[in-house]
N, C-alpha and C. Protein backbone atom coordinates (compact mmCIF):
# COMPACT_ATOMS: atom_id res chain seq x y z
N MET A 1 -85.88 40.96 -72.82
CA MET A 1 -84.71 40.70 -73.63
C MET A 1 -83.85 41.94 -73.74
N ARG A 2 -84.50 43.10 -73.87
CA ARG A 2 -83.77 44.35 -73.99
C ARG A 2 -82.96 44.62 -72.73
N LYS A 3 -83.53 44.33 -71.57
CA LYS A 3 -82.87 44.51 -70.29
C LYS A 3 -81.63 43.62 -70.21
N LEU A 4 -81.72 42.40 -70.70
CA LEU A 4 -80.60 41.46 -70.69
C LEU A 4 -79.46 41.98 -71.55
N GLY A 5 -79.78 42.58 -72.70
CA GLY A 5 -78.75 43.14 -73.60
C GLY A 5 -77.97 44.25 -72.92
N TRP A 6 -78.70 45.15 -72.25
CA TRP A 6 -78.03 46.26 -71.54
C TRP A 6 -77.17 45.73 -70.39
N THR A 7 -77.66 44.73 -69.71
CA THR A 7 -76.91 44.15 -68.59
C THR A 7 -75.60 43.54 -69.09
N ILE A 8 -75.67 42.79 -70.19
CA ILE A 8 -74.46 42.18 -70.76
C ILE A 8 -73.49 43.26 -71.23
N LEU A 9 -74.00 44.28 -71.88
CA LEU A 9 -73.15 45.39 -72.34
C LEU A 9 -72.48 46.08 -71.16
N LEU A 10 -73.22 46.35 -70.13
CA LEU A 10 -72.68 47.01 -68.94
C LEU A 10 -71.61 46.15 -68.27
N LEU A 11 -71.88 44.86 -68.13
CA LEU A 11 -70.90 43.94 -67.52
C LEU A 11 -69.63 43.85 -68.38
N SER A 12 -69.78 43.83 -69.68
CA SER A 12 -68.63 43.78 -70.58
C SER A 12 -67.76 45.02 -70.43
N MET A 13 -68.41 46.19 -70.34
CA MET A 13 -67.67 47.45 -70.19
C MET A 13 -66.93 47.47 -68.86
N CYS A 14 -67.56 47.01 -67.80
CA CYS A 14 -66.91 46.96 -66.48
C CYS A 14 -65.72 46.02 -66.50
N ALA A 15 -65.90 44.86 -67.11
CA ALA A 15 -64.81 43.89 -67.18
C ALA A 15 -63.63 44.47 -67.95
N THR A 16 -63.91 45.19 -69.04
CA THR A 16 -62.86 45.82 -69.83
C THR A 16 -62.12 46.85 -69.01
N CYS A 17 -62.85 47.65 -68.26
CA CYS A 17 -62.21 48.69 -67.42
C CYS A 17 -61.32 48.07 -66.37
N PHE A 18 -61.80 46.98 -65.74
CA PHE A 18 -61.03 46.37 -64.65
C PHE A 18 -59.81 45.64 -65.17
N THR A 19 -59.89 45.03 -66.35
CA THR A 19 -58.76 44.24 -66.84
C THR A 19 -57.86 45.01 -67.79
N GLY A 20 -58.40 45.95 -68.53
CA GLY A 20 -57.60 46.60 -69.55
C GLY A 20 -57.01 47.93 -69.14
N CYS A 21 -57.52 48.53 -68.12
CA CYS A 21 -57.04 49.85 -67.73
C CYS A 21 -56.24 49.75 -66.45
N GLY A 22 -55.31 50.65 -66.31
CA GLY A 22 -54.54 50.71 -65.06
C GLY A 22 -53.40 49.72 -65.05
N GLN A 23 -52.60 49.81 -63.99
CA GLN A 23 -51.44 48.96 -63.84
C GLN A 23 -51.84 47.69 -63.11
N SER A 24 -51.03 46.66 -63.32
CA SER A 24 -51.24 45.45 -62.54
C SER A 24 -50.86 45.75 -61.10
N SER A 25 -51.29 44.90 -60.19
CA SER A 25 -50.95 45.14 -58.78
C SER A 25 -49.45 45.10 -58.57
N LYS A 26 -48.74 44.24 -59.33
CA LYS A 26 -47.28 44.17 -59.22
C LYS A 26 -46.65 45.47 -59.70
N ALA A 27 -47.14 46.01 -60.82
CA ALA A 27 -46.61 47.27 -61.34
C ALA A 27 -46.90 48.41 -60.37
N LYS A 28 -48.11 48.39 -59.76
CA LYS A 28 -48.45 49.43 -58.78
C LYS A 28 -47.52 49.34 -57.58
N ALA A 29 -47.25 48.12 -57.13
CA ALA A 29 -46.36 47.94 -55.97
C ALA A 29 -44.96 48.42 -56.31
N ASN A 30 -44.47 48.10 -57.52
CA ASN A 30 -43.14 48.55 -57.94
C ASN A 30 -43.08 50.06 -58.04
N THR A 31 -44.13 50.68 -58.59
CA THR A 31 -44.17 52.14 -58.71
C THR A 31 -44.16 52.77 -57.33
N LYS A 32 -44.96 52.22 -56.42
CA LYS A 32 -45.01 52.75 -55.06
C LYS A 32 -43.66 52.60 -54.38
N GLU A 33 -43.00 51.44 -54.57
CA GLU A 33 -41.68 51.20 -53.96
C GLU A 33 -40.65 52.19 -54.48
N VAL A 34 -40.64 52.41 -55.79
CA VAL A 34 -39.68 53.35 -56.38
C VAL A 34 -39.91 54.76 -55.85
N LYS A 35 -41.20 55.17 -55.75
CA LYS A 35 -41.51 56.51 -55.24
C LYS A 35 -41.05 56.66 -53.79
N GLU A 36 -41.32 55.61 -52.97
CA GLU A 36 -40.92 55.68 -51.57
C GLU A 36 -39.40 55.72 -51.43
N GLU A 37 -38.70 54.88 -52.23
CA GLU A 37 -37.23 54.87 -52.17
C GLU A 37 -36.66 56.19 -52.64
N LYS A 38 -37.25 56.74 -53.69
CA LYS A 38 -36.78 58.02 -54.19
C LYS A 38 -36.96 59.11 -53.14
N LYS A 39 -38.12 59.08 -52.47
CA LYS A 39 -38.39 60.06 -51.42
C LYS A 39 -37.39 59.90 -50.29
N GLU A 40 -37.16 58.65 -49.84
CA GLU A 40 -36.20 58.39 -48.76
C GLU A 40 -34.80 58.82 -49.17
N ASN A 41 -34.41 58.46 -50.40
CA ASN A 41 -33.06 58.81 -50.86
C ASN A 41 -32.89 60.31 -50.99
N THR A 42 -33.92 60.99 -51.46
CA THR A 42 -33.86 62.45 -51.58
C THR A 42 -33.71 63.08 -50.21
N GLU A 43 -34.50 62.60 -49.25
CA GLU A 43 -34.39 63.14 -47.89
C GLU A 43 -33.02 62.85 -47.30
N ASP A 44 -32.51 61.61 -47.50
CA ASP A 44 -31.18 61.26 -46.99
C ASP A 44 -30.10 62.10 -47.65
N SER A 45 -30.20 62.31 -48.97
CA SER A 45 -29.20 63.09 -49.69
C SER A 45 -29.18 64.53 -49.22
N GLU A 46 -30.37 65.09 -49.01
CA GLU A 46 -30.43 66.47 -48.57
C GLU A 46 -29.84 66.62 -47.17
N LYS A 47 -30.06 65.63 -46.30
CA LYS A 47 -29.56 65.71 -44.94
C LYS A 47 -28.06 65.45 -44.87
N SER A 48 -27.59 64.41 -45.53
CA SER A 48 -26.22 63.98 -45.33
C SER A 48 -25.32 64.21 -46.53
N GLU A 49 -25.86 64.66 -47.63
CA GLU A 49 -25.08 64.83 -48.85
C GLU A 49 -24.43 63.51 -49.28
N ALA A 50 -25.06 62.39 -48.95
CA ALA A 50 -24.56 61.07 -49.32
C ALA A 50 -25.63 60.33 -50.12
N VAL A 51 -25.16 59.45 -50.99
CA VAL A 51 -26.05 58.61 -51.78
C VAL A 51 -25.63 57.17 -51.54
N ASP A 52 -26.47 56.41 -50.84
CA ASP A 52 -26.17 55.02 -50.54
C ASP A 52 -27.03 54.13 -51.43
N LEU A 53 -26.44 53.67 -52.51
CA LEU A 53 -27.16 52.84 -53.47
C LEU A 53 -27.44 51.44 -52.92
N THR A 54 -26.72 51.05 -51.87
CA THR A 54 -26.91 49.71 -51.31
C THR A 54 -28.23 49.58 -50.57
N LYS A 55 -28.87 50.69 -50.26
CA LYS A 55 -30.15 50.66 -49.53
C LYS A 55 -31.35 50.84 -50.45
N MET A 56 -31.10 50.83 -51.76
CA MET A 56 -32.17 51.04 -52.75
C MET A 56 -32.49 49.73 -53.47
N GLY A 57 -33.69 49.68 -54.02
CA GLY A 57 -34.07 48.57 -54.87
C GLY A 57 -33.34 48.68 -56.21
N ALA A 58 -33.31 47.59 -56.97
CA ALA A 58 -32.55 47.53 -58.21
C ALA A 58 -32.96 48.60 -59.23
N ASP A 59 -34.26 48.86 -59.37
CA ASP A 59 -34.72 49.87 -60.32
C ASP A 59 -34.22 51.26 -59.94
N MET A 60 -34.29 51.56 -58.65
CA MET A 60 -33.88 52.87 -58.18
C MET A 60 -32.37 53.06 -58.31
N VAL A 61 -31.60 52.00 -58.06
CA VAL A 61 -30.15 52.07 -58.22
C VAL A 61 -29.81 52.41 -59.66
N TYR A 62 -30.41 51.69 -60.59
CA TYR A 62 -30.13 51.90 -62.00
C TYR A 62 -30.51 53.33 -62.42
N ALA A 63 -31.66 53.80 -61.95
CA ALA A 63 -32.11 55.16 -62.28
C ALA A 63 -31.18 56.21 -61.68
N THR A 64 -30.72 55.98 -60.46
CA THR A 64 -29.84 56.95 -59.81
C THR A 64 -28.48 57.02 -60.50
N VAL A 65 -27.91 55.86 -60.84
CA VAL A 65 -26.62 55.86 -61.55
C VAL A 65 -26.77 56.54 -62.91
N TYR A 66 -27.87 56.28 -63.58
CA TYR A 66 -28.12 56.96 -64.85
C TYR A 66 -28.19 58.48 -64.63
N GLN A 67 -28.87 58.90 -63.58
CA GLN A 67 -28.99 60.32 -63.27
C GLN A 67 -27.62 60.94 -62.99
N MET A 68 -26.75 60.18 -62.34
CA MET A 68 -25.39 60.66 -62.07
C MET A 68 -24.64 60.95 -63.36
N MET A 69 -24.93 60.17 -64.39
CA MET A 69 -24.26 60.34 -65.68
C MET A 69 -24.80 61.55 -66.45
N VAL A 70 -26.11 61.78 -66.38
CA VAL A 70 -26.71 62.86 -67.18
C VAL A 70 -26.76 64.19 -66.44
N ASP A 71 -26.70 64.16 -65.11
CA ASP A 71 -26.72 65.40 -64.32
C ASP A 71 -25.63 65.35 -63.24
N PRO A 72 -24.37 65.31 -63.67
CA PRO A 72 -23.28 65.13 -62.71
C PRO A 72 -23.15 66.27 -61.70
N ASP A 73 -23.55 67.48 -62.05
CA ASP A 73 -23.41 68.62 -61.13
C ASP A 73 -24.19 68.40 -59.84
N SER A 74 -25.30 67.68 -59.90
CA SER A 74 -26.13 67.44 -58.71
C SER A 74 -25.47 66.49 -57.71
N TYR A 75 -24.47 65.75 -58.18
CA TYR A 75 -23.82 64.76 -57.32
C TYR A 75 -22.38 65.11 -56.95
N GLU A 76 -21.82 66.11 -57.59
CA GLU A 76 -20.43 66.50 -57.36
C GLU A 76 -20.16 66.70 -55.87
N GLY A 77 -19.14 66.00 -55.36
CA GLY A 77 -18.73 66.15 -53.96
C GLY A 77 -19.50 65.30 -52.97
N LYS A 78 -20.53 64.57 -53.42
CA LYS A 78 -21.31 63.74 -52.50
C LYS A 78 -20.62 62.39 -52.30
N LYS A 79 -20.78 61.86 -51.12
CA LYS A 79 -20.27 60.53 -50.80
C LYS A 79 -21.24 59.51 -51.39
N VAL A 80 -20.70 58.55 -52.14
CA VAL A 80 -21.53 57.54 -52.81
C VAL A 80 -21.06 56.15 -52.39
N THR A 81 -22.01 55.29 -52.05
CA THR A 81 -21.72 53.90 -51.73
C THR A 81 -22.50 53.03 -52.70
N MET A 82 -21.81 52.02 -53.27
CA MET A 82 -22.47 51.13 -54.23
C MET A 82 -21.89 49.73 -54.14
N GLU A 83 -22.67 48.77 -54.58
CA GLU A 83 -22.24 47.38 -54.68
C GLU A 83 -22.38 46.93 -56.11
N GLY A 84 -21.44 46.13 -56.57
CA GLY A 84 -21.48 45.58 -57.91
C GLY A 84 -20.30 44.65 -58.11
N THR A 85 -20.01 44.33 -59.34
CA THR A 85 -18.87 43.46 -59.62
C THR A 85 -17.68 44.29 -60.07
N TYR A 86 -16.50 43.83 -59.66
CA TYR A 86 -15.26 44.53 -60.02
C TYR A 86 -14.91 44.21 -61.47
N SER A 87 -14.60 45.26 -62.22
CA SER A 87 -14.23 45.10 -63.62
C SER A 87 -13.15 46.12 -64.00
N PRO A 88 -11.93 45.65 -64.29
CA PRO A 88 -10.88 46.57 -64.76
C PRO A 88 -10.96 46.73 -66.28
N PHE A 89 -10.46 47.84 -66.77
CA PHE A 89 -10.41 48.09 -68.22
C PHE A 89 -9.11 48.82 -68.53
N THR A 90 -8.34 48.30 -69.47
CA THR A 90 -7.10 48.95 -69.90
C THR A 90 -7.33 49.58 -71.26
N ASP A 91 -7.13 50.88 -71.35
CA ASP A 91 -7.29 51.63 -72.59
C ASP A 91 -6.03 51.43 -73.43
N GLU A 92 -6.19 50.83 -74.60
CA GLU A 92 -5.04 50.56 -75.47
C GLU A 92 -4.41 51.83 -76.01
N ASN A 93 -5.19 52.92 -76.09
CA ASN A 93 -4.66 54.17 -76.64
C ASN A 93 -3.68 54.86 -75.70
N ASN A 94 -3.98 54.85 -74.39
CA ASN A 94 -3.10 55.56 -73.45
C ASN A 94 -2.43 54.64 -72.44
N GLY A 95 -2.79 53.37 -72.43
CA GLY A 95 -2.17 52.41 -71.52
C GLY A 95 -2.69 52.48 -70.08
N ASN A 96 -3.63 53.38 -69.78
CA ASN A 96 -4.17 53.50 -68.44
C ASN A 96 -5.16 52.38 -68.14
N THR A 97 -5.13 51.91 -66.91
CA THR A 97 -6.11 50.93 -66.45
C THR A 97 -7.10 51.64 -65.55
N TYR A 98 -8.37 51.43 -65.84
CA TYR A 98 -9.45 52.04 -65.07
C TYR A 98 -10.18 50.92 -64.33
N HIS A 99 -10.66 51.22 -63.13
CA HIS A 99 -11.30 50.22 -62.29
C HIS A 99 -12.76 50.63 -62.08
N TYR A 100 -13.66 49.66 -62.27
CA TYR A 100 -15.10 49.94 -62.24
C TYR A 100 -15.84 49.03 -61.27
N CYS A 101 -16.88 49.59 -60.69
CA CYS A 101 -17.89 48.83 -59.97
C CYS A 101 -19.08 48.79 -60.92
N VAL A 102 -19.41 47.60 -61.42
CA VAL A 102 -20.46 47.45 -62.43
C VAL A 102 -21.75 46.96 -61.77
N ILE A 103 -22.82 47.70 -62.02
CA ILE A 103 -24.13 47.41 -61.43
C ILE A 103 -25.07 46.98 -62.54
N LYS A 104 -25.76 45.86 -62.32
CA LYS A 104 -26.77 45.40 -63.28
C LYS A 104 -28.13 45.96 -62.88
N ASP A 105 -29.02 46.09 -63.87
CA ASP A 105 -30.36 46.57 -63.55
C ASP A 105 -31.20 45.42 -62.99
N ALA A 106 -32.46 45.70 -62.70
CA ALA A 106 -33.34 44.73 -62.05
C ALA A 106 -33.52 43.45 -62.86
N LEU A 107 -33.52 43.55 -64.17
CA LEU A 107 -33.70 42.37 -65.00
C LEU A 107 -32.39 41.65 -65.29
N GLY A 108 -31.28 42.30 -64.99
CA GLY A 108 -29.97 41.70 -65.22
C GLY A 108 -29.52 41.79 -66.67
N CYS A 109 -30.24 42.56 -67.49
CA CYS A 109 -29.89 42.63 -68.91
C CYS A 109 -28.98 43.81 -69.24
N CYS A 110 -29.02 44.83 -68.44
CA CYS A 110 -28.23 46.03 -68.72
C CYS A 110 -27.33 46.31 -67.52
N SER A 111 -26.23 46.98 -67.78
CA SER A 111 -25.35 47.30 -66.66
C SER A 111 -24.74 48.68 -66.88
N GLN A 112 -24.36 49.28 -65.76
CA GLN A 112 -23.68 50.57 -65.78
C GLN A 112 -22.50 50.44 -64.83
N GLY A 113 -21.40 51.07 -65.19
CA GLY A 113 -20.23 51.01 -64.33
C GLY A 113 -19.84 52.39 -63.85
N MET A 114 -19.31 52.43 -62.63
CA MET A 114 -18.81 53.68 -62.07
C MET A 114 -17.32 53.46 -61.79
N GLU A 115 -16.50 54.30 -62.38
CA GLU A 115 -15.06 54.23 -62.14
C GLU A 115 -14.77 54.65 -60.71
N PHE A 116 -13.74 54.05 -60.12
CA PHE A 116 -13.33 54.48 -58.78
C PHE A 116 -11.81 54.43 -58.66
N LEU A 117 -11.28 55.32 -57.82
CA LEU A 117 -9.85 55.38 -57.54
C LEU A 117 -9.59 54.79 -56.17
N TRP A 118 -8.70 53.81 -56.11
CA TRP A 118 -8.38 53.14 -54.85
C TRP A 118 -6.91 52.77 -54.85
N ASP A 119 -6.26 52.91 -53.70
CA ASP A 119 -4.82 52.65 -53.62
C ASP A 119 -4.47 51.23 -53.22
N GLY A 120 -5.45 50.43 -52.87
CA GLY A 120 -5.18 49.07 -52.38
C GLY A 120 -5.03 48.06 -53.50
N GLU A 121 -4.97 46.80 -53.09
CA GLU A 121 -4.85 45.69 -54.03
C GLU A 121 -6.24 45.34 -54.55
N PHE A 122 -6.34 45.15 -55.85
CA PHE A 122 -7.63 44.87 -56.47
C PHE A 122 -7.92 43.37 -56.47
N PRO A 123 -9.19 43.01 -56.35
CA PRO A 123 -9.56 41.59 -56.35
C PRO A 123 -9.59 41.04 -57.78
N LYS A 124 -9.92 39.78 -57.88
CA LYS A 124 -10.09 39.11 -59.16
C LYS A 124 -11.29 39.73 -59.89
N GLU A 125 -11.19 39.87 -61.19
CA GLU A 125 -12.30 40.41 -61.98
C GLU A 125 -13.56 39.57 -61.75
N GLY A 126 -14.70 40.26 -61.59
CA GLY A 126 -15.97 39.59 -61.37
C GLY A 126 -16.33 39.43 -59.90
N THR A 127 -15.41 39.82 -59.00
CA THR A 127 -15.68 39.73 -57.56
C THR A 127 -16.74 40.76 -57.17
N LEU A 128 -17.68 40.35 -56.32
CA LEU A 128 -18.69 41.27 -55.82
C LEU A 128 -18.02 42.20 -54.81
N ILE A 129 -18.16 43.52 -55.01
CA ILE A 129 -17.49 44.50 -54.16
C ILE A 129 -18.46 45.58 -53.68
N LYS A 130 -18.05 46.25 -52.62
CA LYS A 130 -18.75 47.43 -52.12
C LYS A 130 -17.72 48.56 -52.14
N VAL A 131 -18.09 49.66 -52.79
CA VAL A 131 -17.19 50.80 -52.95
C VAL A 131 -17.86 52.04 -52.38
N THR A 132 -17.08 52.83 -51.63
CA THR A 132 -17.54 54.11 -51.12
C THR A 132 -16.49 55.16 -51.47
N GLY A 133 -16.93 56.27 -52.04
CA GLY A 133 -16.00 57.33 -52.40
C GLY A 133 -16.74 58.63 -52.66
N VAL A 134 -15.99 59.65 -53.02
CA VAL A 134 -16.56 60.97 -53.29
C VAL A 134 -16.70 61.14 -54.80
N TYR A 135 -17.91 61.46 -55.22
CA TYR A 135 -18.23 61.62 -56.64
C TYR A 135 -17.55 62.87 -57.20
N GLU A 136 -16.87 62.70 -58.32
CA GLU A 136 -16.26 63.84 -59.00
C GLU A 136 -16.30 63.62 -60.50
N THR A 137 -16.21 64.71 -61.23
CA THR A 137 -16.09 64.66 -62.69
C THR A 137 -14.69 65.12 -63.07
N TYR A 138 -14.23 64.66 -64.24
CA TYR A 138 -12.90 65.05 -64.72
C TYR A 138 -12.84 64.89 -66.23
N LYS A 139 -11.81 65.50 -66.82
CA LYS A 139 -11.55 65.35 -68.25
C LYS A 139 -10.14 64.78 -68.42
N GLU A 140 -10.01 63.86 -69.36
CA GLU A 140 -8.71 63.31 -69.68
C GLU A 140 -7.93 64.37 -70.45
N GLU A 141 -6.62 64.36 -70.30
CA GLU A 141 -5.78 65.31 -71.03
C GLU A 141 -5.99 65.14 -72.53
N GLY A 142 -6.24 66.27 -73.20
CA GLY A 142 -6.43 66.25 -74.65
C GLY A 142 -7.84 65.86 -75.08
N SER A 143 -8.78 65.76 -74.16
CA SER A 143 -10.14 65.35 -74.50
C SER A 143 -11.14 66.36 -73.93
N ASP A 144 -12.23 66.55 -74.65
CA ASP A 144 -13.30 67.42 -74.16
C ASP A 144 -14.40 66.62 -73.46
N ASP A 145 -14.25 65.29 -73.46
CA ASP A 145 -15.26 64.43 -72.83
C ASP A 145 -15.20 64.54 -71.31
N LEU A 146 -16.37 64.56 -70.69
CA LEU A 146 -16.47 64.63 -69.24
C LEU A 146 -16.72 63.23 -68.69
N TYR A 147 -15.92 62.82 -67.72
CA TYR A 147 -16.05 61.51 -67.10
C TYR A 147 -16.38 61.68 -65.62
N CYS A 148 -16.92 60.63 -65.01
CA CYS A 148 -17.19 60.68 -63.58
C CYS A 148 -16.55 59.48 -62.91
N ARG A 149 -16.26 59.63 -61.62
CA ARG A 149 -15.65 58.55 -60.85
C ARG A 149 -15.82 58.84 -59.37
N LEU A 150 -15.48 57.85 -58.57
CA LEU A 150 -15.45 58.01 -57.12
C LEU A 150 -13.99 58.12 -56.71
N LYS A 151 -13.61 59.25 -56.14
CA LYS A 151 -12.23 59.44 -55.69
C LYS A 151 -12.15 59.10 -54.20
N ASP A 152 -10.92 58.93 -53.73
CA ASP A 152 -10.69 58.61 -52.32
C ASP A 152 -11.54 57.42 -51.88
N ALA A 153 -11.64 56.43 -52.75
CA ALA A 153 -12.56 55.31 -52.51
C ALA A 153 -11.98 54.27 -51.55
N THR A 154 -12.89 53.63 -50.85
CA THR A 154 -12.58 52.42 -50.10
C THR A 154 -13.31 51.29 -50.80
N MET A 155 -12.73 50.10 -50.74
CA MET A 155 -13.35 48.97 -51.41
C MET A 155 -13.21 47.73 -50.54
N GLU A 156 -14.26 46.93 -50.51
CA GLU A 156 -14.21 45.66 -49.79
C GLU A 156 -14.98 44.62 -50.57
N ALA A 157 -14.52 43.38 -50.46
CA ALA A 157 -15.24 42.28 -51.11
C ALA A 157 -16.50 42.00 -50.31
N VAL A 158 -17.58 41.66 -51.02
CA VAL A 158 -18.85 41.33 -50.39
C VAL A 158 -19.07 39.84 -50.53
N GLU A 159 -19.48 39.23 -49.45
CA GLU A 159 -19.69 37.77 -49.49
C GLU A 159 -21.14 37.42 -49.52
């Protein structure tokens, strides 16, 4: 009987370790994918000074755009390509219209937008677009806030 008690205890501990500890296989696969994409993107960025968000998974895109916002110096002057939906915004205070490529995260619950400068005709709001331009930071006249955008951008509708 004593042997049976130890066996049950040992099996219970093993079951707890296998089910309660560690990541699920899906989480492990996602973590591995993000690490591989980050490694590939880092290598590509170092070689070409370009950041192509269209070749990344949704989690990595969201993380990279966030990184662009918090560490803009690392991206200054790099060529950036991204896909998202077109969204214009008119500032009532100064009357300026700003144009954004808005990217949703993997779950579709959060979004980030990157302003871009383009001389062509803009599509209907909500159109899926691909934008390529040079990352730069700037300050609006009379403001100490730092903004980022893609200058010299090209834009095309994505079907």
